[in-house]
Each structure stands twice: as C-alpha cells, then as structure tokens.
Amino acid sequence: MSPVKDSYKRTTISLRPEEYEVLRFLAFKRKTSVAGLVKKMIQELLEDEEDIRDGLKALEDKGDTMDWETFKRQYLGIQG
C-alpha cells in the first residue's frame, strides 16, 4: 500500500436516495466524485469550526466584551 493511502481512514455513510442524488448532481456540476465532494464539505466544515474556536479564544484572551459585528469584522474578516 502507498504511504498516502495509509494516512487516510475509510468510513461508510448511509444516505437517503434523494440525498445521494443531490450530492451526485452537485459532484457532476463540479466535475468531481461524490466522495471528493463530501471530503471538500468536511474540510470546509472543520475550517469553519477552527475559525469559530479561534474567534472565541480571541474574545476570551481580550478579556472584555465586543459586539458581534465588530467581532466578525476583526476576527473573521466578514464585512457588513
């Protein structure tokens, strides 16, 4: 087995037929596989969670309060 394959864990999920069809359609539109699409979605979710943790830690370290709009602008880079 190659070293790259050894660094991954395999998992199985069960989807309702309509969920699978939507994922299959999205994968087709993005010219990837369902597995590739799911991996990308998981990566994005984990990155979002990390950003939230970092933001909450920044607020905790700062030691005072901040309104949500200021927090989004300063720590998440979201305008408006």
PDB file of N, CA and C in Angstrom:
ATOM      1  N   MET A   1       0.835  -1.184   0.000  1.00  0.00           N
ATOM      2  CA  MET A   1       0.000   0.000   0.000  1.00  0.00           C
ATOM      3  C   MET A   1       0.883   1.251   0.000  1.00  0.00           C
ATOM      4  N   SER A   2       0.460   2.279  -0.700  1.00  0.00           N
ATOM      5  CA  SER A   2       1.250   3.503  -0.756  1.00  0.00           C
ATOM      6  C   SER A   2       1.121   4.286   0.540  1.00  0.00           C
ATOM      7  N   PRO A   3       2.122   5.131   0.856  1.00  0.00           N
ATOM      8  CA  PRO A   3       2.080   5.920   2.093  1.00  0.00           C
ATOM      9  C   PRO A   3       0.876   6.854   2.167  1.00  0.00           C
ATOM     10  N   VAL A   4       0.416   7.371   1.034  1.00  0.00           N
ATOM     11  CA  VAL A   4      -0.718   8.295   1.045  1.00  0.00           C
ATOM     12  C   VAL A   4      -1.979   7.581   1.512  1.00  0.00           C
ATOM     13  N   LYS A   5      -2.226   6.396   0.995  1.00  0.00           N
ATOM     14  CA  LYS A   5      -3.418   5.659   1.393  1.00  0.00           C
ATOM     15  C   LYS A   5      -3.382   5.292   2.867  1.00  0.00           C
ATOM     16  N   ASP A   6      -2.193   5.016   3.404  1.00  0.00           N
ATOM     17  CA  ASP A   6      -2.068   4.643   4.804  1.00  0.00           C
ATOM     18  C   ASP A   6      -2.427   5.788   5.738  1.00  0.00           C
ATOM     19  N   SER A   7      -2.374   7.029   5.266  1.00  0.00           N
ATOM     20  CA  SER A   7      -2.641   8.172   6.133  1.00  0.00           C
ATOM     21  C   SER A   7      -4.130   8.530   6.184  1.00  0.00           C
ATOM     22  N   TYR A   8      -4.960   7.819   5.482  1.00  0.00           N
ATOM     23  CA  TYR A   8      -6.403   8.078   5.467  1.00  0.00           C
ATOM     24  C   TYR A   8      -7.147   6.982   6.209  1.00  0.00           C
ATOM     25  N   LYS A   9      -8.288   7.335   6.746  1.00  0.00           N
ATOM     26  CA  LYS A   9      -9.198   6.366   7.348  1.00  0.00           C
ATOM     27  C   LYS A   9     -10.415   6.253   6.458  1.00  0.00           C
ATOM     28  N   ARG A  10     -10.894   5.061   6.288  1.00  0.00           N
ATOM     29  CA  ARG A  10     -12.070   4.822   5.458  1.00  0.00           C
ATOM     30  C   ARG A  10     -13.313   4.835   6.345  1.00  0.00           C
ATOM     31  N   THR A  11     -14.387   5.408   5.824  1.00  0.00           N
ATOM     32  CA  THR A  11     -15.654   5.407   6.550  1.00  0.00           C
ATOM     33  C   THR A  11     -16.781   5.140   5.567  1.00  0.00           C
ATOM     34  N   THR A  12     -17.883   4.725   6.088  1.00  0.00           N
ATOM     35  CA  THR A  12     -19.069   4.454   5.269  1.00  0.00           C
ATOM     36  C   THR A  12     -20.229   5.248   5.843  1.00  0.00           C
ATOM     37  N   ILE A  13     -20.993   5.871   4.965  1.00  0.00           N
ATOM     38  CA  ILE A  13     -22.189   6.578   5.410  1.00  0.00           C
ATOM     39  C   ILE A  13     -23.383   6.051   4.622  1.00  0.00           C
ATOM     40  N   SER A  14     -24.529   6.156   5.243  1.00  0.00           N
ATOM     41  CA  SER A  14     -25.772   5.776   4.567  1.00  0.00           C
ATOM     42  C   SER A  14     -26.583   7.036   4.320  1.00  0.00           C
ATOM     43  N   LEU A  15     -27.046   7.198   3.089  1.00  0.00           N
ATOM     44  CA  LEU A  15     -27.819   8.368   2.695  1.00  0.00           C
ATOM     45  C   LEU A  15     -29.170   7.928   2.162  1.00  0.00           C
ATOM     46  N   ARG A  16     -30.145   8.782   2.335  1.00  0.00           N
ATOM     47  CA  ARG A  16     -31.432   8.529   1.676  1.00  0.00           C
ATOM     48  C   ARG A  16     -31.210   8.736   0.173  1.00  0.00           C
ATOM     49  N   PRO A  17     -31.990   8.051  -0.651  1.00  0.00           N
ATOM     50  CA  PRO A  17     -31.798   8.164  -2.108  1.00  0.00           C
ATOM     51  C   PRO A  17     -31.817   9.607  -2.606  1.00  0.00           C
ATOM     52  N   GLU A  18     -32.727  10.429  -2.070  1.00  0.00           N
ATOM     53  CA  GLU A  18     -32.793  11.815  -2.542  1.00  0.00           C
ATOM     54  C   GLU A  18     -31.555  12.617  -2.139  1.00  0.00           C
ATOM     55  N   GLU A  19     -30.958  12.314  -0.983  1.00  0.00           N
ATOM     56  CA  GLU A  19     -29.725  12.987  -0.572  1.00  0.00           C
ATOM     57  C   GLU A  19     -28.578  12.610  -1.506  1.00  0.00           C
ATOM     58  N   TYR A  20     -28.498  11.316  -1.807  1.00  0.00           N
ATOM     59  CA  TYR A  20     -27.444  10.846  -2.697  1.00  0.00           C
ATOM     60  C   TYR A  20     -27.575  11.468  -4.080  1.00  0.00           C
ATOM     61  N   GLU A  21     -28.790  11.560  -4.587  1.00  0.00           N
ATOM     62  CA  GLU A  21     -28.992  12.133  -5.919  1.00  0.00           C
ATOM     63  C   GLU A  21     -28.576  13.607  -5.964  1.00  0.00           C
ATOM     64  N   VAL A  22     -28.874  14.354  -4.908  1.00  0.00           N
ATOM     65  CA  VAL A  22     -28.459  15.762  -4.858  1.00  0.00           C
ATOM     66  C   VAL A  22     -26.933  15.847  -4.845  1.00  0.00           C
ATOM     67  N   LEU A  23     -26.285  15.016  -4.018  1.00  0.00           N
ATOM     68  CA  LEU A  23     -24.822  15.026  -3.975  1.00  0.00           C
ATOM     69  C   LEU A  23     -24.223  14.611  -5.315  1.00  0.00           C
ATOM     70  N   ARG A  24     -24.826  13.622  -5.938  1.00  0.00           N
ATOM     71  CA  ARG A  24     -24.335  13.174  -7.245  1.00  0.00           C
ATOM     72  C   ARG A  24     -24.438  14.287  -8.284  1.00  0.00           C
ATOM     73  N   PHE A  25     -25.556  15.013  -8.260  1.00  0.00           N
ATOM     74  CA  PHE A  25     -25.756  16.124  -9.181  1.00  0.00           C
ATOM     75  C   PHE A  25     -24.720  17.232  -8.922  1.00  0.00           C
ATOM     76  N   LEU A  26     -24.527  17.578  -7.644  1.00  0.00           N
ATOM     77  CA  LEU A  26     -23.540  18.610  -7.298  1.00  0.00           C
ATOM     78  C   LEU A  26     -22.129  18.183  -7.706  1.00  0.00           C
ATOM     79  N   ALA A  27     -21.808  16.931  -7.480  1.00  0.00           N
ATOM     80  CA  ALA A  27     -20.488  16.421  -7.859  1.00  0.00           C
ATOM     81  C   ALA A  27     -20.309  16.512  -9.383  1.00  0.00           C
ATOM     82  N   PHE A  28     -21.334  16.156 -10.120  1.00  0.00           N
ATOM     83  CA  PHE A  28     -21.274  16.240 -11.582  1.00  0.00           C
ATOM     84  C   PHE A  28     -21.030  17.684 -12.021  1.00  0.00           C
ATOM     85  N   LYS A  29     -21.785  18.630 -11.425  1.00  0.00           N
ATOM     86  CA  LYS A  29     -21.624  20.042 -11.792  1.00  0.00           C
ATOM     87  C   LYS A  29     -20.210  20.543 -11.501  1.00  0.00           C
ATOM     88  N   ARG A  30     -19.611  20.024 -10.441  1.00  0.00           N
ATOM     89  CA  ARG A  30     -18.266  20.479 -10.038  1.00  0.00           C
ATOM     90  C   ARG A  30     -17.160  19.598 -10.612  1.00  0.00           C
ATOM     91  N   LYS A  31     -17.543  18.664 -11.444  1.00  0.00           N
ATOM     92  CA  LYS A  31     -16.594  17.760 -12.109  1.00  0.00           C
ATOM     93  C   LYS A  31     -15.716  17.019 -11.100  1.00  0.00           C
ATOM     94  N   THR A  32     -16.373  16.441 -10.111  1.00  0.00           N
ATOM     95  CA  THR A  32     -15.678  15.640  -9.108  1.00  0.00           C
ATOM     96  C   THR A  32     -16.550  14.439  -8.773  1.00  0.00           C
ATOM     97  N   SER A  33     -16.095  13.637  -7.855  1.00  0.00           N
ATOM     98  CA  SER A  33     -16.867  12.478  -7.409  1.00  0.00           C
ATOM     99  C   SER A  33     -17.687  12.845  -6.175  1.00  0.00           C
ATOM    100  N   VAL A  34     -18.633  11.990  -5.822  1.00  0.00           N
ATOM    101  CA  VAL A  34     -19.393  12.200  -4.589  1.00  0.00           C
ATOM    102  C   VAL A  34     -18.427  12.190  -3.410  1.00  0.00           C
ATOM    103  N   ALA A  35     -17.487  11.246  -3.401  1.00  0.00           N
ATOM    104  CA  ALA A  35     -16.504  11.178  -2.316  1.00  0.00           C
ATOM    105  C   ALA A  35     -15.679  12.460  -2.248  1.00  0.00           C
ATOM    106  N   GLY A  36     -15.251  12.968  -3.400  1.00  0.00           N
ATOM    107  CA  GLY A  36     -14.485  14.210  -3.423  1.00  0.00           C
ATOM    108  C   GLY A  36     -15.293  15.381  -2.896  1.00  0.00           C
ATOM    109  N   LEU A  37     -16.563  15.424  -3.265  1.00  0.00           N
ATOM    110  CA  LEU A  37     -17.442  16.489  -2.795  1.00  0.00           C
ATOM    111  C   LEU A  37     -17.621  16.411  -1.281  1.00  0.00           C
ATOM    112  N   VAL A  38     -17.849  15.212  -0.758  1.00  0.00           N
ATOM    113  CA  VAL A  38     -18.034  15.039   0.682  1.00  0.00           C
ATOM    114  C   VAL A  38     -16.758  15.414   1.434  1.00  0.00           C
ATOM    115  N   LYS A  39     -15.602  15.006   0.919  1.00  0.00           N
ATOM    116  CA  LYS A  39     -14.328  15.375   1.560  1.00  0.00           C
ATOM    117  C   LYS A  39     -14.169  16.889   1.625  1.00  0.00           C
ATOM    118  N   LYS A  40     -14.489  17.570   0.529  1.00  0.00           N
ATOM    119  CA  LYS A  40     -14.384  19.030   0.480  1.00  0.00           C
ATOM    120  C   LYS A  40     -15.334  19.674   1.494  1.00  0.00           C
ATOM    121  N   MET A  41     -16.549  19.155   1.580  1.00  0.00           N
ATOM    122  CA  MET A  41     -17.524  19.696   2.524  1.00  0.00           C
ATOM    123  C   MET A  41     -17.035  19.513   3.967  1.00  0.00           C
ATOM    124  N   ILE A  42     -16.446  18.364   4.255  1.00  0.00           N
ATOM    125  CA  ILE A  42     -15.921  18.108   5.594  1.00  0.00           C
ATOM    126  C   ILE A  42     -14.770  19.051   5.897  1.00  0.00           C
ATOM    127  N   GLN A  43     -13.858  19.245   4.940  1.00  0.00           N
ATOM    128  CA  GLN A  43     -12.738  20.171   5.137  1.00  0.00           C
ATOM    129  C   GLN A  43     -13.243  21.579   5.437  1.00  0.00           C
ATOM    130  N   GLU A  44     -14.239  22.036   4.689  1.00  0.00           N
ATOM    131  CA  GLU A  44     -14.789  23.373   4.904  1.00  0.00           C
ATOM    132  C   GLU A  44     -15.453  23.489   6.270  1.00  0.00           C
ATOM    133  N   LEU A  45     -16.171  22.466   6.682  1.00  0.00           N
ATOM    134  CA  LEU A  45     -16.806  22.464   7.996  1.00  0.00           C
ATOM    135  C   LEU A  45     -15.763  22.537   9.100  1.00  0.00           C
ATOM    136  N   LEU A  46     -14.704  21.747   8.988  1.00  0.00           N
ATOM    137  CA  LEU A  46     -13.656  21.759  10.006  1.00  0.00           C
ATOM    138  C   LEU A  46     -12.928  23.094  10.057  1.00  0.00           C
ATOM    139  N   GLU A  47     -12.704  23.717   8.890  1.00  0.00           N
ATOM    140  CA  GLU A  47     -12.081  25.043   8.857  1.00  0.00           C
ATOM    141  C   GLU A  47     -12.975  26.079   9.519  1.00  0.00           C
ATOM    142  N   ASP A  48     -14.282  26.011   9.267  1.00  0.00           N
ATOM    143  CA  ASP A  48     -15.228  26.929   9.906  1.00  0.00           C
ATOM    144  C   ASP A  48     -15.204  26.759  11.420  1.00  0.00           C
ATOM    145  N   GLU A  49     -15.200  25.514  11.870  1.00  0.00           N
ATOM    146  CA  GLU A  49     -15.165  25.241  13.315  1.00  0.00           C
ATOM    147  C   GLU A  49     -13.888  25.785  13.938  1.00  0.00           C
ATOM    148  N   GLU A  50     -12.770  25.639  13.235  1.00  0.00           N
ATOM    149  CA  GLU A  50     -11.499  26.163  13.738  1.00  0.00           C
ATOM    150  C   GLU A  50     -11.548  27.690  13.834  1.00  0.00           C
ATOM    151  N   ASP A  51     -12.132  28.333  12.827  1.00  0.00           N
ATOM    152  CA  ASP A  51     -12.272  29.797  12.862  1.00  0.00           C
ATOM    153  C   ASP A  51     -13.115  30.241  14.050  1.00  0.00           C
ATOM    154  N   ILE A  52     -14.184  29.519  14.320  1.00  0.00           N
ATOM    155  CA  ILE A  52     -15.043  29.864  15.451  1.00  0.00           C
ATOM    156  C   ILE A  52     -14.281  29.697  16.760  1.00  0.00           C
ATOM    157  N   ARG A  53     -13.568  28.581  16.903  1.00  0.00           N
ATOM    158  CA  ARG A  53     -12.767  28.360  18.124  1.00  0.00           C
ATOM    159  C   ARG A  53     -11.740  29.466  18.302  1.00  0.00           C
ATOM    160  N   ASP A  54     -11.054  29.822  17.197  1.00  0.00           N
ATOM    161  CA  ASP A  54     -10.055  30.890  17.262  1.00  0.00           C
ATOM    162  C   ASP A  54     -10.691  32.210  17.663  1.00  0.00           C
ATOM    163  N   GLY A  55     -11.859  32.496  17.120  1.00  0.00           N
ATOM    164  CA  GLY A  55     -12.557  33.735  17.457  1.00  0.00           C
ATOM    165  C   GLY A  55     -12.973  33.776  18.905  1.00  0.00           C
ATOM    166  N   LEU A  56     -13.504  32.675  19.400  1.00  0.00           N
ATOM    167  CA  LEU A  56     -13.908  32.626  20.809  1.00  0.00           C
ATOM    168  C   LEU A  56     -12.701  32.748  21.730  1.00  0.00           C
ATOM    169  N   LYS A  57     -11.593  32.122  21.347  1.00  0.00           N
ATOM    170  CA  LYS A  57     -10.362  32.239  22.139  1.00  0.00           C
ATOM    171  C   LYS A  57      -9.873  33.671  22.143  1.00  0.00           C
ATOM    172  N   ALA A  58      -9.940  34.343  21.001  1.00  0.00           N
ATOM    173  CA  ALA A  58      -9.511  35.739  20.917  1.00  0.00           C
ATOM    174  C   ALA A  58     -10.363  36.611  21.827  1.00  0.00           C
ATOM    175  N   LEU A  59     -11.650  36.355  21.849  1.00  0.00           N
ATOM    176  CA  LEU A  59     -12.526  37.119  22.741  1.00  0.00           C
ATOM    177  C   LEU A  59     -12.185  36.849  24.202  1.00  0.00           C
ATOM    178  N   GLU A  60     -11.931  35.591  24.518  1.00  0.00           N
ATOM    179  CA  GLU A  60     -11.583  35.220  25.890  1.00  0.00           C
ATOM    180  C   GLU A  60     -10.264  35.875  26.298  1.00  0.00           C
ATOM    181  N   ASP A  61      -9.271  35.857  25.405  1.00  0.00           N
ATOM    182  CA  ASP A  61      -7.966  36.446  25.694  1.00  0.00           C
ATOM    183  C   ASP A  61      -8.057  37.958  25.864  1.00  0.00           C
ATOM    184  N   LYS A  62      -8.942  38.561  25.109  1.00  0.00           N
ATOM    185  CA  LYS A  62      -9.071  40.020  25.175  1.00  0.00           C
ATOM    186  C   LYS A  62      -9.620  40.452  26.531  1.00  0.00           C
ATOM    187  N   GLY A  63     -10.469  39.637  27.133  1.00  0.00           N
ATOM    188  CA  GLY A  63     -10.927  39.908  28.483  1.00  0.00           C
ATOM    189  C   GLY A  63     -12.052  40.910  28.622  1.00  0.00           C
ATOM    190  N   ASP A  64     -12.572  41.421  27.538  1.00  0.00           N
ATOM    191  CA  ASP A  64     -13.729  42.301  27.635  1.00  0.00           C
ATOM    192  C   ASP A  64     -14.747  41.906  26.576  1.00  0.00           C
ATOM    193  N   THR A  65     -15.799  42.634  26.465  1.00  0.00           N
ATOM    194  CA  THR A  65     -16.849  42.252  25.525  1.00  0.00           C
ATOM    195  C   THR A  65     -16.730  43.021  24.222  1.00  0.00           C
ATOM    196  N   MET A  66     -17.348  42.457  23.212  1.00  0.00           N
ATOM    197  CA  MET A  66     -17.321  43.052  21.883  1.00  0.00           C
ATOM    198  C   MET A  66     -18.637  42.691  21.209  1.00  0.00           C
ATOM    199  N   ASP A  67     -19.183  43.615  20.427  1.00  0.00           N
ATOM    200  CA  ASP A  67     -20.415  43.283  19.735  1.00  0.00           C
ATOM    201  C   ASP A  67     -20.116  42.364  18.547  1.00  0.00           C
ATOM    202  N   TRP A  68     -21.137  41.647  18.099  1.00  0.00           N
ATOM    203  CA  TRP A  68     -20.996  40.646  17.053  1.00  0.00           C
ATOM    204  C   TRP A  68     -20.445  41.222  15.753  1.00  0.00           C
ATOM    205  N   GLU A  69     -20.913  42.397  15.353  1.00  0.00           N
ATOM    206  CA  GLU A  69     -20.445  42.998  14.095  1.00  0.00           C
ATOM    207  C   GLU A  69     -18.946  43.302  14.151  1.00  0.00           C
ATOM    208  N   THR A  70     -18.483  43.825  15.271  1.00  0.00           N
ATOM    209  CA  THR A  70     -17.053  44.116  15.429  1.00  0.00           C
ATOM    210  C   THR A  70     -16.250  42.823  15.413  1.00  0.00           C
ATOM    211  N   PHE A  71     -16.742  41.804  16.110  1.00  0.00           N
ATOM    212  CA  PHE A  71     -16.066  40.508  16.133  1.00  0.00           C
ATOM    213  C   PHE A  71     -15.943  39.947  14.725  1.00  0.00           C
ATOM    214  N   LYS A  72     -17.024  39.942  13.950  1.00  0.00           N
ATOM    215  CA  LYS A  72     -16.982  39.402  12.586  1.00  0.00           C
ATOM    216  C   LYS A  72     -15.967  40.154  11.743  1.00  0.00           C
ATOM    217  N   ARG A  73     -15.949  41.466  11.869  1.00  0.00           N
ATOM    218  CA  ARG A  73     -15.042  42.281  11.075  1.00  0.00           C
ATOM    219  C   ARG A  73     -13.586  42.042  11.467  1.00  0.00           C
ATOM    220  N   GLN A  74     -13.297  42.062  12.770  1.00  0.00           N
ATOM    221  CA  GLN A  74     -11.915  41.984  13.234  1.00  0.00           C
ATOM    222  C   GLN A  74     -11.330  40.582  13.197  1.00  0.00           C
ATOM    223  N   TYR A  75     -12.120  39.579  13.546  1.00  0.00           N
ATOM    224  CA  TYR A  75     -11.561  38.238  13.703  1.00  0.00           C
ATOM    225  C   TYR A  75     -11.943  37.268  12.592  1.00  0.00           C
ATOM    226  N   LEU A  76     -13.018  37.527  11.897  1.00  0.00           N
ATOM    227  CA  LEU A  76     -13.439  36.622  10.842  1.00  0.00           C
ATOM    228  C   LEU A  76     -13.277  37.223   9.457  1.00  0.00           C
ATOM    229  N   GLY A  77     -12.997  38.522   9.403  1.00  0.00           N
ATOM    230  CA  GLY A  77     -12.800  39.180   8.117  1.00  0.00           C
ATOM    231  C   GLY A  77     -14.074  39.337   7.312  1.00  0.00           C
ATOM    232  N   ILE A  78     -15.213  39.344   8.007  1.00  0.00           N
ATOM    233  CA  ILE A  78     -16.512  39.465   7.331  1.00  0.00           C
ATOM    234  C   ILE A  78     -16.984  40.908   7.441  1.00  0.00           C
ATOM    235  N   GLN A  79     -17.256  41.520   6.324  1.00  0.00           N
ATOM    236  CA  GLN A  79     -17.732  42.903   6.314  1.00  0.00           C
ATOM    237  C   GLN A  79     -19.255  42.931   6.269  1.00  0.00           C
ATOM    238  N   GLY A  80     -19.834  43.880   6.973  1.00  0.00           N
ATOM    239  CA  GLY A  80     -21.277  44.111   6.876  1.00  0.00           C
ATOM    240  C   GLY A  80     -22.021  43.292   7.811  1.00  0.00           C
TER     241      GLY A  80
END
